[in-house]
C-alpha atoms as a PDB file:
ATOM      1  CA  MET A   1       0.176   0.083   0.047  1.00  0.00           C
ATOM      2  CA  ASN A   2       0.981   3.343  -0.930  1.00  0.00           C
ATOM      3  CA  TYR A   3       0.128   6.578   1.298  1.00  0.00           C
ATOM      4  CA  ARG A   4      -0.551   9.978   0.004  1.00  0.00           C
ATOM      5  CA  ARG A   5      -0.955  13.469   2.116  1.00  0.00           C
ATOM      6  CA  LEU A   6      -4.498  15.014   2.334  1.00  0.00           C
ATOM      7  CA  GLY A   7      -3.353  17.674   0.126  1.00  0.00           C
ATOM      8  CA  SER A   8      -1.117  20.091   1.878  1.00  0.00           C
ATOM      9  CA  ALA A   9      -1.743  18.453   5.546  1.00  0.00           C
ATOM     10  CA  GLY A  10       0.665  16.325   6.992  1.00  0.00           C
ATOM     11  CA  LEU A  11      -1.725  13.487   7.439  1.00  0.00           C
ATOM     12  CA  LYS A  12      -1.567  10.529   5.140  1.00  0.00           C
ATOM     13  CA  LEU A  13      -4.150   8.575   3.631  1.00  0.00           C
ATOM     14  CA  SER A  14      -3.936   4.888   1.915  1.00  0.00           C
ATOM     15  CA  GLU A  15      -4.226   5.377  -1.708  1.00  0.00           C
ATOM     16  CA  LEU A  16      -7.266   3.061  -1.355  1.00  0.00           C
ATOM     17  CA  SER A  17      -9.678   3.289   1.473  1.00  0.00           C
ATOM     18  CA  LEU A  18     -12.921   1.959   2.564  1.00  0.00           C
ATOM     19  CA  GLY A  19     -16.367   3.369   2.754  1.00  0.00           C
ATOM     20  CA  SER A  20     -19.728   2.558   4.273  1.00  0.00           C
ATOM     21  CA  TRP A  21     -22.400   4.100   2.088  1.00  0.00           C
ATOM     22  CA  VAL A  22     -25.192   2.029   1.041  1.00  0.00           C
ATOM     23  CA  THR A  23     -23.506  -1.209   2.350  1.00  0.00           C
ATOM     24  CA  TYR A  24     -23.127  -1.200   6.173  1.00  0.00           C
ATOM     25  CA  GLY A  25     -26.398  -1.510   8.407  1.00  0.00           C
ATOM     26  CA  GLY A  26     -28.187  -2.058   4.941  1.00  0.00           C
ATOM     27  CA  GLN A  27     -26.964  -4.655   2.341  1.00  0.00           C
ATOM     28  CA  VAL A  28     -24.116  -5.732   4.642  1.00  0.00           C
ATOM     29  CA  GLY A  29     -24.496  -6.873   8.495  1.00  0.00           C
ATOM     30  CA  GLU A  30     -21.737  -6.873  11.038  1.00  0.00           C
ATOM     31  CA  GLU A  31     -20.306 -10.231  10.354  1.00  0.00           C
ATOM     32  CA  VAL A  32     -19.481  -9.150   6.654  1.00  0.00           C
ATOM     33  CA  ALA A  33     -18.379  -5.900   7.493  1.00  0.00           C
ATOM     34  CA  VAL A  34     -15.582  -7.538   9.991  1.00  0.00           C
ATOM     35  CA  LYS A  35     -14.381  -9.492   7.231  1.00  0.00           C
ATOM     36  CA  CYS A  36     -14.295  -6.837   4.651  1.00  0.00           C
ATOM     37  CA  MET A  37     -12.593  -4.265   7.291  1.00  0.00           C
ATOM     38  CA  SER A  38     -10.016  -6.742   8.457  1.00  0.00           C
ATOM     39  CA  ILE A  39      -8.862  -7.867   4.725  1.00  0.00           C
ATOM     40  CA  ALA A  40      -8.657  -3.919   3.988  1.00  0.00           C
ATOM     41  CA  TYR A  41      -6.691  -3.220   7.142  1.00  0.00           C
ATOM     42  CA  ASP A  42      -4.187  -5.998   6.521  1.00  0.00           C
ATOM     43  CA  GLN A  43      -3.698  -4.943   3.053  1.00  0.00           C
ATOM     44  CA  GLY A  44      -2.473  -1.460   4.711  1.00  0.00           C
ATOM     45  CA  VAL A  45      -5.961   0.347   4.277  1.00  0.00           C
ATOM     46  CA  ASN A  46      -5.827   3.226   7.068  1.00  0.00           C
ATOM     47  CA  PHE A  47      -8.771   5.164   6.222  1.00  0.00           C
ATOM     48  CA  PHE A  48     -12.592   4.343   6.652  1.00  0.00           C
ATOM     49  CA  ASP A  49     -15.449   6.820   5.737  1.00  0.00           C
ATOM     50  CA  SER A  50     -19.004   6.962   7.024  1.00  0.00           C
ATOM     51  CA  ALA A  51     -21.386   9.651   7.663  1.00  0.00           C
ATOM     52  CA  GLU A  52     -24.490   9.943   9.944  1.00  0.00           C
ATOM     53  CA  ALA A  53     -26.810   9.767   7.030  1.00  0.00           C
ATOM     54  CA  TYR A  54     -25.628   6.258   5.634  1.00  0.00           C
ATOM     55  CA  ALA A  55     -28.571   3.815   6.776  1.00  0.00           C
ATOM     56  CA  GLY A  56     -29.781   6.400   9.104  1.00  0.00           C
ATOM     57  CA  GLY A  57     -26.919   5.974  11.318  1.00  0.00           C
ATOM     58  CA  LYS A  58     -26.582   2.309  11.392  1.00  0.00           C
ATOM     59  CA  ALA A  59     -23.748   2.318   9.152  1.00  0.00           C
ATOM     60  CA  GLU A  60     -21.496   4.180  11.886  1.00  0.00           C
ATOM     61  CA  ILE A  61     -22.638   1.643  14.542  1.00  0.00           C
ATOM     62  CA  VAL A  62     -21.815  -1.328  12.272  1.00  0.00           C
ATOM     63  CA  MET A  63     -18.501   0.351  11.926  1.00  0.00           C
ATOM     64  CA  GLY A  64     -17.627   1.210  15.356  1.00  0.00           C
ATOM     65  CA  ASN A  65     -18.635  -2.240  16.478  1.00  0.00           C
ATOM     66  CA  VAL A  66     -15.897  -3.642  14.119  1.00  0.00           C
ATOM     67  CA  PHE A  67     -13.372  -1.075  15.745  1.00  0.00           C
ATOM     68  CA  LYS A  68     -14.252  -2.283  19.007  1.00  0.00           C
ATOM     69  CA  LYS A  69     -14.436  -5.993  18.174  1.00  0.00           C
ATOM     70  CA  LEU A  70     -10.661  -5.695  16.263  1.00  0.00           C
ATOM     71  CA  GLY A  71      -9.332  -3.780  18.565  1.00  0.00           C
ATOM     72  CA  TRP A  72      -6.878  -2.046  16.337  1.00  0.00           C
ATOM     73  CA  ALA A  73      -4.784   0.874  17.770  1.00  0.00           C
ATOM     74  CA  ARG A  74      -6.496   4.255  17.408  1.00  0.00           C
ATOM     75  CA  GLU A  75      -3.302   5.808  15.809  1.00  0.00           C
ATOM     76  CA  SER A  76      -3.462   3.266  13.284  1.00  0.00           C
ATOM     77  CA  ILE A  77      -6.563   4.421  11.547  1.00  0.00           C
ATOM     78  CA  VAL A  78      -8.060   7.533  10.095  1.00  0.00           C
ATOM     79  CA  VAL A  79     -11.917   7.681  10.483  1.00  0.00           C
ATOM     80  CA  SER A  80     -14.382  10.138   9.019  1.00  0.00           C
ATOM     81  CA  SER A  81     -18.007  11.151   9.223  1.00  0.00           C
ATOM     82  CA  LYS A  82     -19.888  13.718   7.504  1.00  0.00           C
ATOM     83  CA  VAL A  83     -22.930  16.049   8.751  1.00  0.00           C
ATOM     84  CA  PHE A  84     -26.120  17.114   6.919  1.00  0.00           C
ATOM     85  CA  TRP A  85     -28.901  14.875   7.083  1.00  0.00           C
ATOM     86  CA  GLY A  86     -29.411  13.807  10.613  1.00  0.00           C
ATOM     87  CA  GLY A  87     -33.321  13.250  11.103  1.00  0.00           C
ATOM     88  CA  ASP A  88     -36.684  14.715  10.551  1.00  0.00           C
ATOM     89  CA  GLY A  89     -36.313  17.632  13.183  1.00  0.00           C
ATOM     90  CA  PRO A  90     -36.168  21.447  12.279  1.00  0.00           C
ATOM     91  CA  ASN A  91     -32.797  21.197  13.425  1.00  0.00           C
ATOM     92  CA  ASP A  92     -31.729  17.590  12.631  1.00  0.00           C
ATOM     93  CA  GLU A  93     -30.546  18.632   8.779  1.00  0.00           C
ATOM     94  CA  GLY A  94     -28.111  21.231   7.481  1.00  0.00           C
ATOM     95  CA  LEU A  95     -25.077  22.944   8.499  1.00  0.00           C
ATOM     96  CA  SER A  96     -26.046  25.190  11.414  1.00  0.00           C
ATOM     97  CA  ARG A  97     -24.042  25.301  14.552  1.00  0.00           C
ATOM     98  CA  LYS A  98     -26.339  23.273  16.501  1.00  0.00           C
ATOM     99  CA  HIS A  99     -26.723  20.368  14.167  1.00  0.00           C
ATOM    100  CA  ILE A 100     -23.060  20.351  13.551  1.00  0.00           C
ATOM    101  CA  TYR A 101     -22.315  19.891  17.076  1.00  0.00           C
ATOM    102  CA  GLU A 102     -25.240  17.363  17.730  1.00  0.00           C
ATOM    103  CA  ALA A 103     -24.293  15.396  14.569  1.00  0.00           C
ATOM    104  CA  CYS A 104     -20.560  15.132  15.715  1.00  0.00           C
ATOM    105  CA  ARG A 105     -21.481  14.168  19.169  1.00  0.00           C
ATOM    106  CA  LYS A 106     -23.842  11.368  17.991  1.00  0.00           C
ATOM    107  CA  SER A 107     -21.453   9.999  15.322  1.00  0.00           C
ATOM    108  CA  LEU A 108     -18.549   9.697  17.818  1.00  0.00           C
ATOM    109  CA  LYS A 109     -21.125   7.906  20.212  1.00  0.00           C
ATOM    110  CA  ARG A 110     -21.979   5.465  17.188  1.00  0.00           C
ATOM    111  CA  LEU A 111     -18.708   4.991  16.236  1.00  0.00           C
ATOM    112  CA  GLN A 112     -17.132   4.487  19.942  1.00  0.00           C
ATOM    113  CA  LEU A 113     -14.711   6.971  19.285  1.00  0.00           C
ATOM    114  CA  ASP A 114     -13.313  10.041  21.425  1.00  0.00           C
ATOM    115  CA  TYR A 115     -12.717  12.321  18.152  1.00  0.00           C
ATOM    116  CA  LEU A 116     -12.945  11.823  14.186  1.00  0.00           C
ATOM    117  CA  ASP A 117      -9.963  12.206  11.936  1.00  0.00           C
ATOM    118  CA  LEU A 118     -12.168  13.985   9.352  1.00  0.00           C
ATOM    119  CA  PHE A 119     -15.419  15.590   9.583  1.00  0.00           C
ATOM    120  CA  PHE A 120     -17.271  16.755   6.195  1.00  0.00           C
ATOM    121  CA  CYS A 121     -19.986  18.928   5.475  1.00  0.00           C
ATOM    122  CA  HIS A 122     -22.197  16.270   3.466  1.00  0.00           C
ATOM    123  CA  ARG A 123     -23.614  19.188   0.915  1.00  0.00           C
ATOM    124  CA  PRO A 124     -23.625  22.872   0.843  1.00  0.00           C
ATOM    125  CA  ASP A 125     -26.402  24.705   3.160  1.00  0.00           C
ATOM    126  CA  PRO A 126     -28.040  27.592   1.363  1.00  0.00           C
ATOM    127  CA  ASN A 127     -29.889  28.209   4.496  1.00  0.00           C
ATOM    128  CA  THR A 128     -26.941  28.666   6.838  1.00  0.00           C
ATOM    129  CA  PRO A 129     -24.095  31.387   6.430  1.00  0.00           C
ATOM    130  CA  ILE A 130     -20.737  29.773   5.621  1.00  0.00           C
ATOM    131  CA  GLU A 131     -19.092  31.660   8.542  1.00  0.00           C
ATOM    132  CA  GLU A 132     -21.350  29.946  10.889  1.00  0.00           C
ATOM    133  CA  THR A 133     -20.467  26.587   9.506  1.00  0.00           C
ATOM    134  CA  VAL A 134     -16.586  27.469   9.508  1.00  0.00           C
ATOM    135  CA  ARG A 135     -17.010  28.822  13.332  1.00  0.00           C
ATOM    136  CA  ALA A 136     -18.800  25.642  14.213  1.00  0.00           C
ATOM    137  CA  MET A 137     -16.326  23.274  12.727  1.00  0.00           C
ATOM    138  CA  ASP A 138     -13.431  25.424  14.257  1.00  0.00           C
ATOM    139  CA  TYR A 139     -14.975  24.962  17.643  1.00  0.00           C
ATOM    140  CA  LEU A 140     -14.734  21.245  17.345  1.00  0.00           C
ATOM    141  CA  VAL A 141     -11.463  21.442  16.477  1.00  0.00           C
ATOM    142  CA  HIS A 142     -10.373  23.295  19.476  1.00  0.00           C
ATOM    143  CA  GLN A 143     -12.740  20.874  21.646  1.00  0.00           C
ATOM    144  CA  GLY A 144     -10.501  18.002  20.256  1.00  0.00           C
ATOM    145  CA  LYS A 145     -13.698  16.454  18.836  1.00  0.00           C
ATOM    146  CA  ILE A 146     -12.432  16.855  15.101  1.00  0.00           C
ATOM    147  CA  LEU A 147      -8.818  16.831  13.783  1.00  0.00           C
ATOM    148  CA  TYR A 148      -9.463  18.134  10.046  1.00  0.00           C
ATOM    149  CA  TRP A 149     -12.726  19.282   8.395  1.00  0.00           C
ATOM    150  CA  GLY A 150     -13.844  19.585   4.952  1.00  0.00           C
ATOM    151  CA  THR A 151     -16.580  19.507   2.576  1.00  0.00           C
ATOM    152  CA  SER A 152     -18.564  17.059   0.007  1.00  0.00           C
ATOM    153  CA  GLU A 153     -19.965  18.339  -3.204  1.00  0.00           C
ATOM    154  CA  TRP A 154     -19.444  21.941  -2.677  1.00  0.00           C
ATOM    155  CA  SER A 155     -18.547  24.562  -5.334  1.00  0.00           C
ATOM    156  CA  ALA A 156     -14.984  25.727  -5.836  1.00  0.00           C
ATOM    157  CA  ALA A 157     -16.385  29.278  -5.030  1.00  0.00           C
ATOM    158  CA  ASP A 158     -17.990  28.317  -1.776  1.00  0.00           C
ATOM    159  CA  ILE A 159     -14.856  26.209  -0.528  1.00  0.00           C
ATOM    160  CA  MET A 160     -12.949  29.050  -1.245  1.00  0.00           C
ATOM    161  CA  ARG A 161     -15.135  31.498   0.577  1.00  0.00           C
ATOM    162  CA  ALA A 162     -14.893  29.128   3.654  1.00  0.00           C
ATOM    163  CA  HIS A 163     -11.067  29.165   3.300  1.00  0.00           C
ATOM    164  CA  GLU A 164     -11.044  33.051   3.244  1.00  0.00           C
ATOM    165  CA  LEU A 165     -13.542  33.572   6.294  1.00  0.00           C
ATOM    166  CA  ALA A 166     -11.300  31.112   8.282  1.00  0.00           C
ATOM    167  CA  ARG A 167      -7.880  33.116   7.423  1.00  0.00           C
ATOM    168  CA  GLU A 168      -9.631  36.579   8.029  1.00  0.00           C
ATOM    169  CA  TYR A 169     -11.104  35.677  11.570  1.00  0.00           C
ATOM    170  CA  ASP A 170      -8.078  33.146  12.497  1.00  0.00           C
ATOM    171  CA  LEU A 171     -10.369  30.013  12.322  1.00  0.00           C
ATOM    172  CA  THR A 172      -9.462  26.375  11.056  1.00  0.00           C
ATOM    173  CA  PRO A 173      -9.798  26.362   7.195  1.00  0.00           C
ATOM    174  CA  PRO A 174     -11.413  23.600   5.286  1.00  0.00           C
ATOM    175  CA  GLN A 175      -8.803  20.979   4.499  1.00  0.00           C
ATOM    176  CA  MET A 176     -10.484  18.412   2.223  1.00  0.00           C
ATOM    177  CA  GLU A 177     -13.293  17.800  -0.405  1.00  0.00           C
ATOM    178  CA  GLN A 178     -15.133  14.639  -1.040  1.00  0.00           C
ATOM    179  CA  PRO A 179     -16.464  14.687  -4.567  1.00  0.00           C
ATOM    180  CA  GLN A 180     -17.573  12.136  -7.075  1.00  0.00           C
ATOM    181  CA  TYR A 181     -14.922  11.205  -9.235  1.00  0.00           C
ATOM    182  CA  ASN A 182     -14.797   8.435 -11.901  1.00  0.00           C
ATOM    183  CA  MET A 183     -14.433   8.125 -16.096  1.00  0.00           C
ATOM    184  CA  LEU A 184     -17.583   9.345 -16.601  1.00  0.00           C
ATOM    185  CA  HIS A 185     -17.335  12.093 -13.981  1.00  0.00           C
ATOM    186  CA  ARG A 186     -14.673  14.392 -14.160  1.00  0.00           C
ATOM    187  CA  GLU A 187     -15.449  18.125 -14.521  1.00  0.00           C
ATOM    188  CA  ARG A 188     -15.294  19.157 -10.806  1.00  0.00           C
ATOM    189  CA  VAL A 189     -12.204  17.211 -10.003  1.00  0.00           C
ATOM    190  CA  GLU A 190     -10.131  17.860 -12.919  1.00  0.00           C
ATOM    191  CA  LYS A 191     -11.320  21.569 -13.717  1.00  0.00           C
ATOM    192  CA  GLU A 192     -13.389  23.218 -11.193  1.00  0.00           C
ATOM    193  CA  TYR A 193     -11.195  22.829  -8.217  1.00  0.00           C
ATOM    194  CA  LEU A 194      -7.902  22.604 -10.158  1.00  0.00           C
ATOM    195  CA  PRO A 195      -6.789  25.897  -8.737  1.00  0.00           C
ATOM    196  CA  LEU A 196      -7.553  24.998  -5.131  1.00  0.00           C
ATOM    197  CA  TYR A 197      -5.055  22.359  -5.037  1.00  0.00           C
ATOM    198  CA  ARG A 198      -2.318  24.988  -5.695  1.00  0.00           C
ATOM    199  CA  GLU A 199      -3.589  27.957  -3.704  1.00  0.00           C
ATOM    200  CA  ILE A 200      -5.124  26.204  -0.527  1.00  0.00           C
ATOM    201  CA  GLY A 201      -3.801  22.850  -0.714  1.00  0.00           C
ATOM    202  CA  LEU A 202      -7.264  21.072  -0.935  1.00  0.00           C
ATOM    203  CA  GLY A 203      -7.050  17.311  -0.660  1.00  0.00           C
ATOM    204  CA  THR A 204      -9.590  15.250  -2.247  1.00  0.00           C
ATOM    205  CA  THR A 205     -11.077  11.714  -0.674  1.00  0.00           C
ATOM    206  CA  ILE A 206     -12.909  10.710  -4.082  1.00  0.00           C
ATOM    207  CA  TRP A 207     -16.274   8.708  -4.065  1.00  0.00           C
ATOM    208  CA  SER A 208     -18.015   6.498  -6.541  1.00  0.00           C
ATOM    209  CA  PRO A 209     -14.738   5.478  -8.537  1.00  0.00           C
ATOM    210  CA  LEU A 210     -17.008   2.736 -10.101  1.00  0.00           C
ATOM    211  CA  ALA A 211     -19.814   5.329 -11.177  1.00  0.00           C
ATOM    212  CA  SER A 212     -22.126   3.423  -8.684  1.00  0.00           C
ATOM    213  CA  GLY A 213     -21.211   0.121 -10.212  1.00  0.00           C
ATOM    214  CA  LEU A 214     -21.680   0.887 -13.675  1.00  0.00           C
ATOM    215  CA  LEU A 215     -17.844   0.796 -14.218  1.00  0.00           C
ATOM    216  CA  SER A 216     -17.797  -2.722 -12.616  1.00  0.00           C
ATOM    217  CA  GLY A 217     -19.612  -4.041 -16.041  1.00  0.00           C
ATOM    218  CA  LYS A 218     -22.613  -5.572 -14.216  1.00  0.00           C
ATOM    219  CA  TYR A 219     -25.172  -3.229 -15.760  1.00  0.00           C
ATOM    220  CA  ALA A 220     -24.116  -4.354 -19.099  1.00  0.00           C
ATOM    221  CA  LYS A 221     -27.063  -6.572 -19.898  1.00  0.00           C
ATOM    222  CA  GLY A 222     -29.432  -4.460 -17.893  1.00  0.00           C
ATOM    223  CA  ILE A 223     -30.136  -4.000 -14.040  1.00  0.00           C
ATOM    224  CA  PRO A 224     -29.503  -7.070 -12.212  1.00  0.00           C
ATOM    225  CA  PRO A 225     -31.958  -7.810  -9.057  1.00  0.00           C
ATOM    226  CA  GLY A 226     -30.545  -6.710  -5.604  1.00  0.00           C
ATOM    227  CA  SER A 227     -28.084  -4.322  -7.188  1.00  0.00           C
ATOM    228  CA  ARG A 228     -27.700  -0.940  -5.908  1.00  0.00           C
ATOM    229  CA  ALA A 229     -29.991   0.582  -8.671  1.00  0.00           C
ATOM    230  CA  THR A 230     -33.090  -1.353  -7.542  1.00  0.00           C
ATOM    231  CA  LEU A 231     -32.901   0.019  -3.876  1.00  0.00           C
ATOM    232  CA  PRO A 232     -35.398   2.534  -2.909  1.00  0.00           C
ATOM    233  CA  GLY A 233     -34.124   6.155  -3.138  1.00  0.00           C
ATOM    234  CA  TYR A 234     -31.505   5.475  -5.945  1.00  0.00           C
ATOM    235  CA  GLU A 235     -33.934   6.283  -8.897  1.00  0.00           C
ATOM    236  CA  TRP A 236     -31.468   8.810  -9.773  1.00  0.00           C
ATOM    237  CA  LEU A 237     -28.785   6.430 -10.326  1.00  0.00           C
ATOM    238  CA  ARG A 238     -30.953   4.814 -12.957  1.00  0.00           C
ATOM    239  CA  LYS A 239     -31.706   8.333 -14.435  1.00  0.00           C
ATOM    240  CA  ASN A 240     -28.399  10.095 -14.520  1.00  0.00           C
ATOM    241  CA  THR A 241     -25.883   7.287 -14.363  1.00  0.00           C
ATOM    242  CA  LEU A 242     -27.054   4.006 -15.933  1.00  0.00           C
ATOM    243  CA  SER A 243     -27.694   5.687 -19.614  1.00  0.00           C
ATOM    244  CA  PRO A 244     -27.585   3.560 -22.612  1.00  0.00           C
ATOM    245  CA  HIS A 245     -24.707   6.077 -23.521  1.00  0.00           C
ATOM    246  CA  ASN A 246     -22.722   5.264 -20.276  1.00  0.00           C
ATOM    247  CA  ILE A 247     -23.221   1.750 -20.436  1.00  0.00           C
ATOM    248  CA  GLU A 248     -21.540   1.688 -23.876  1.00  0.00           C
ATOM    249  CA  LYS A 249     -18.651   3.369 -22.830  1.00  0.00           C
ATOM    250  CA  ALA A 250     -17.974   0.955 -20.237  1.00  0.00           C
ATOM    251  CA  LYS A 251     -18.127  -1.875 -22.683  1.00  0.00           C
ATOM    252  CA  GLN A 252     -15.775  -0.006 -24.881  1.00  0.00           C
ATOM    253  CA  LEU A 253     -13.160   0.046 -22.104  1.00  0.00           C
ATOM    254  CA  GLU A 254     -13.404  -3.657 -21.320  1.00  0.00           C
ATOM    255  CA  PRO A 255     -10.783  -4.442 -24.102  1.00  0.00           C
ATOM    256  CA  ILE A 256      -8.246  -2.193 -22.624  1.00  0.00           C
ATOM    257  CA  ALA A 257      -8.626  -3.821 -19.314  1.00  0.00           C
ATOM    258  CA  ARG A 258      -8.183  -7.380 -20.743  1.00  0.00           C
ATOM    259  CA  ASP A 259      -5.108  -6.028 -22.477  1.00  0.00           C
ATOM    260  CA  LEU A 260      -3.926  -5.017 -18.912  1.00  0.00           C
ATOM    261  CA  GLU A 261      -4.951  -8.419 -17.634  1.00  0.00           C
ATOM    262  CA  CYS A 262      -7.360  -6.831 -14.980  1.00  0.00           C
ATOM    263  CA  THR A 263     -11.191  -6.735 -14.283  1.00  0.00           C
ATOM    264  CA  LEU A 264     -12.831  -3.485 -15.476  1.00  0.00           C
ATOM    265  CA  PRO A 265     -13.348  -2.530 -11.653  1.00  0.00           C
ATOM    266  CA  GLN A 266      -9.630  -2.944 -10.988  1.00  0.00           C
ATOM    267  CA  PHE A 267      -9.029  -0.638 -14.228  1.00  0.00           C
ATOM    268  CA  ALA A 268     -11.507   1.886 -12.959  1.00  0.00           C
ATOM    269  CA  LEU A 269      -9.920   2.413  -9.649  1.00  0.00           C
ATOM    270  CA  ALA A 270      -6.270   2.469 -11.230  1.00  0.00           C
ATOM    271  CA  TRP A 271      -7.279   5.377 -13.419  1.00  0.00           C
ATOM    272  CA  CYS A 272      -8.524   7.321 -10.580  1.00  0.00           C
ATOM    273  CA  LEU A 273      -5.194   6.536  -8.681  1.00  0.00           C
ATOM    274  CA  LYS A 274      -3.383   8.198 -11.552  1.00  0.00           C
ATOM    275  CA  ASN A 275      -4.719  11.694 -10.796  1.00  0.00           C
ATOM    276  CA  PRO A 276      -2.135  13.105  -8.413  1.00  0.00           C
ATOM    277  CA  ASN A 277      -4.733  15.300  -6.880  1.00  0.00           C
ATOM    278  CA  VAL A 278      -6.497  12.432  -5.662  1.00  0.00           C
ATOM    279  CA  SER A 279      -5.602  11.816  -1.939  1.00  0.00           C
ATOM    280  CA  THR A 280      -7.547   8.612  -1.697  1.00  0.00           C
ATOM    281  CA  VAL A 281      -9.983   6.672  -3.845  1.00  0.00           C
ATOM    282  CA  ILE A 282     -12.987   5.301  -1.231  1.00  0.00           C
ATOM    283  CA  THR A 283     -14.088   1.824  -2.580  1.00  0.00           C
ATOM    284  CA  GLY A 284     -17.078  -0.230  -1.408  1.00  0.00           C
ATOM    285  CA  ALA A 285     -17.513  -3.872  -0.953  1.00  0.00           C
ATOM    286  CA  SER A 286     -20.572  -6.043   0.169  1.00  0.00           C
ATOM    287  CA  ARG A 287     -18.351  -9.298  -0.072  1.00  0.00           C
ATOM    288  CA  PRO A 288     -14.710  -9.916   1.305  1.00  0.00           C
ATOM    289  CA  GLU A 289     -13.689 -10.976  -2.161  1.00  0.00           C
ATOM    290  CA  GLN A 290     -14.482  -7.740  -3.513  1.00  0.00           C
ATOM    291  CA  VAL A 291     -12.127  -6.264  -1.318  1.00  0.00           C
ATOM    292  CA  THR A 292      -9.171  -8.241  -2.079  1.00  0.00           C
ATOM    293  CA  GLU A 293      -9.965  -8.006  -5.901  1.00  0.00           C
ATOM    294  CA  ASN A 294     -10.192  -3.834  -5.606  1.00  0.00           C
ATOM    295  CA  MET A 295      -6.731  -3.691  -3.564  1.00  0.00           C
ATOM    296  CA  LYS A 296      -5.117  -5.333  -6.916  1.00  0.00           C
ATOM    297  CA  ALA A 297      -5.853  -2.172  -8.869  1.00  0.00           C
ATOM    298  CA  LEU A 298      -2.362  -0.561  -6.950  1.00  0.00           C
ATOM    299  CA  GLU A 299      -0.644  -3.093  -9.150  1.00  0.00           C
ATOM    300  CA  ILE A 300      -2.609  -1.831 -12.228  1.00  0.00           C
ATOM    301  CA  ALA A 301      -1.929   1.822 -11.775  1.00  0.00           C
ATOM    302  CA  PRO A 302       1.670   1.996 -12.800  1.00  0.00           C
ATOM    303  CA  ARG A 303       0.793   0.202 -15.957  1.00  0.00           C
ATOM    304  CA  LEU A 304      -1.333   2.917 -17.299  1.00  0.00           C
ATOM    305  CA  ASP A 305       1.108   4.764 -19.181  1.00  0.00           C
ATOM    306  CA  SER A 306       0.534   7.485 -21.627  1.00  0.00           C
ATOM    307  CA  ALA A 307      -0.283   5.096 -24.363  1.00  0.00           C
ATOM    308  CA  VAL A 308      -3.156   3.514 -22.447  1.00  0.00           C
ATOM    309  CA  LEU A 309      -4.476   6.673 -21.151  1.00  0.00           C
ATOM    310  CA  GLU A 310      -4.467   7.938 -24.692  1.00  0.00           C
ATOM    311  CA  ARG A 311      -6.708   4.905 -25.679  1.00  0.00           C
ATOM    312  CA  ILE A 312      -8.883   5.685 -22.778  1.00  0.00           C
ATOM    313  CA  GLU A 313      -9.362   9.200 -23.699  1.00  0.00           C
ATOM    314  CA  THR A 314     -10.157   8.369 -26.976  1.00  0.00           C
ATOM    315  CA  ILE A 315     -13.093   6.274 -25.837  1.00  0.00           C
ATOM    316  CA  LEU A 316     -14.529   8.834 -23.117  1.00  0.00           C
ATOM    317  CA  GLY A 317     -14.134  11.912 -25.231  1.00  0.00           C
ATOM    318  CA  ASN A 318     -15.028  13.726 -21.979  1.00  0.00           C
ATOM    319  CA  ASN A 319     -11.489  15.301 -21.015  1.00  0.00           C
ATOM    320  CA  PRO A 320     -12.274  18.692 -19.172  1.00  0.00           C
ATOM    321  CA  GLN A 321      -9.044  20.034 -19.837  1.00  0.00           C
ATOM    322  CA  LYS A 322      -9.344  19.767 -23.671  1.00  0.00           C
ATOM    323  CA  SER A 323     -12.719  21.196 -23.470  1.00  0.00           C
ATOM    324  CA  GLN A 324     -11.126  24.641 -22.439  1.00  0.00           C
ATOM    325  CA  ASP A 325      -9.046  24.683 -25.766  1.00  0.00           C
END
């Protein structure tokens, strides 16, 4: 396993990490989670990602129970959570100082931890001033409840505004962003955030490297029963991602993966790792075997030379940098 700095921070994350979105507390129970997390940890994974919204908090409970059962040294792991969707009450959603404080307290209880390494604002909140959010996060840092804070799916302008406010009032600035990033979704990471890597040292913990499973090849012949796309609340996935156009792109990429003697998922993960502005690639797994297979992407990434990358670009036709010309 290789490790990368979280942007300009001193913290180092494993190039591949493990998340609990959709799976833990939902598709996957604690017994499977123990196996998946154990294999990942043994392979050198040190970053484990969750959120208050995942399975209504159950994902954090499962992950916390696994931490306790396996007894890993706290300093050997980096754990994150995210705040935004916490419940149905008027103050159980968003990025107000109250909800941020309550969400952090509850996440720590579910995860059975004394502090979070990373705490993300899961989405921008148009109903809360950015300054209030920045001050709330700074408060948690000074309390020792979180070490770093960041954003998820925020615009570059809002991230920069938060950073400027933090510097103006001597508060802790955001360090990282958790955006979607994969072969089919590139604009924000490769173009919009480009100035932020240099100007504020932004780190990225990217999610959905397989485009919610599309780049695993499992949707090539339709939507299989029991897949993520069949779950309630994931209608957006069928509408926005599983288009005939995207499915065809995935099919065209398969010969390149075969030439590299790897699977399409390993190929897609390796492609994400080629971006130096990606701090870590968050993987998901509902079976222990998936974790083992995903880790092999680390061996594939160095083999994606300029010739291979050019073949990929010819198929994708969506390079944000070229669109600037």
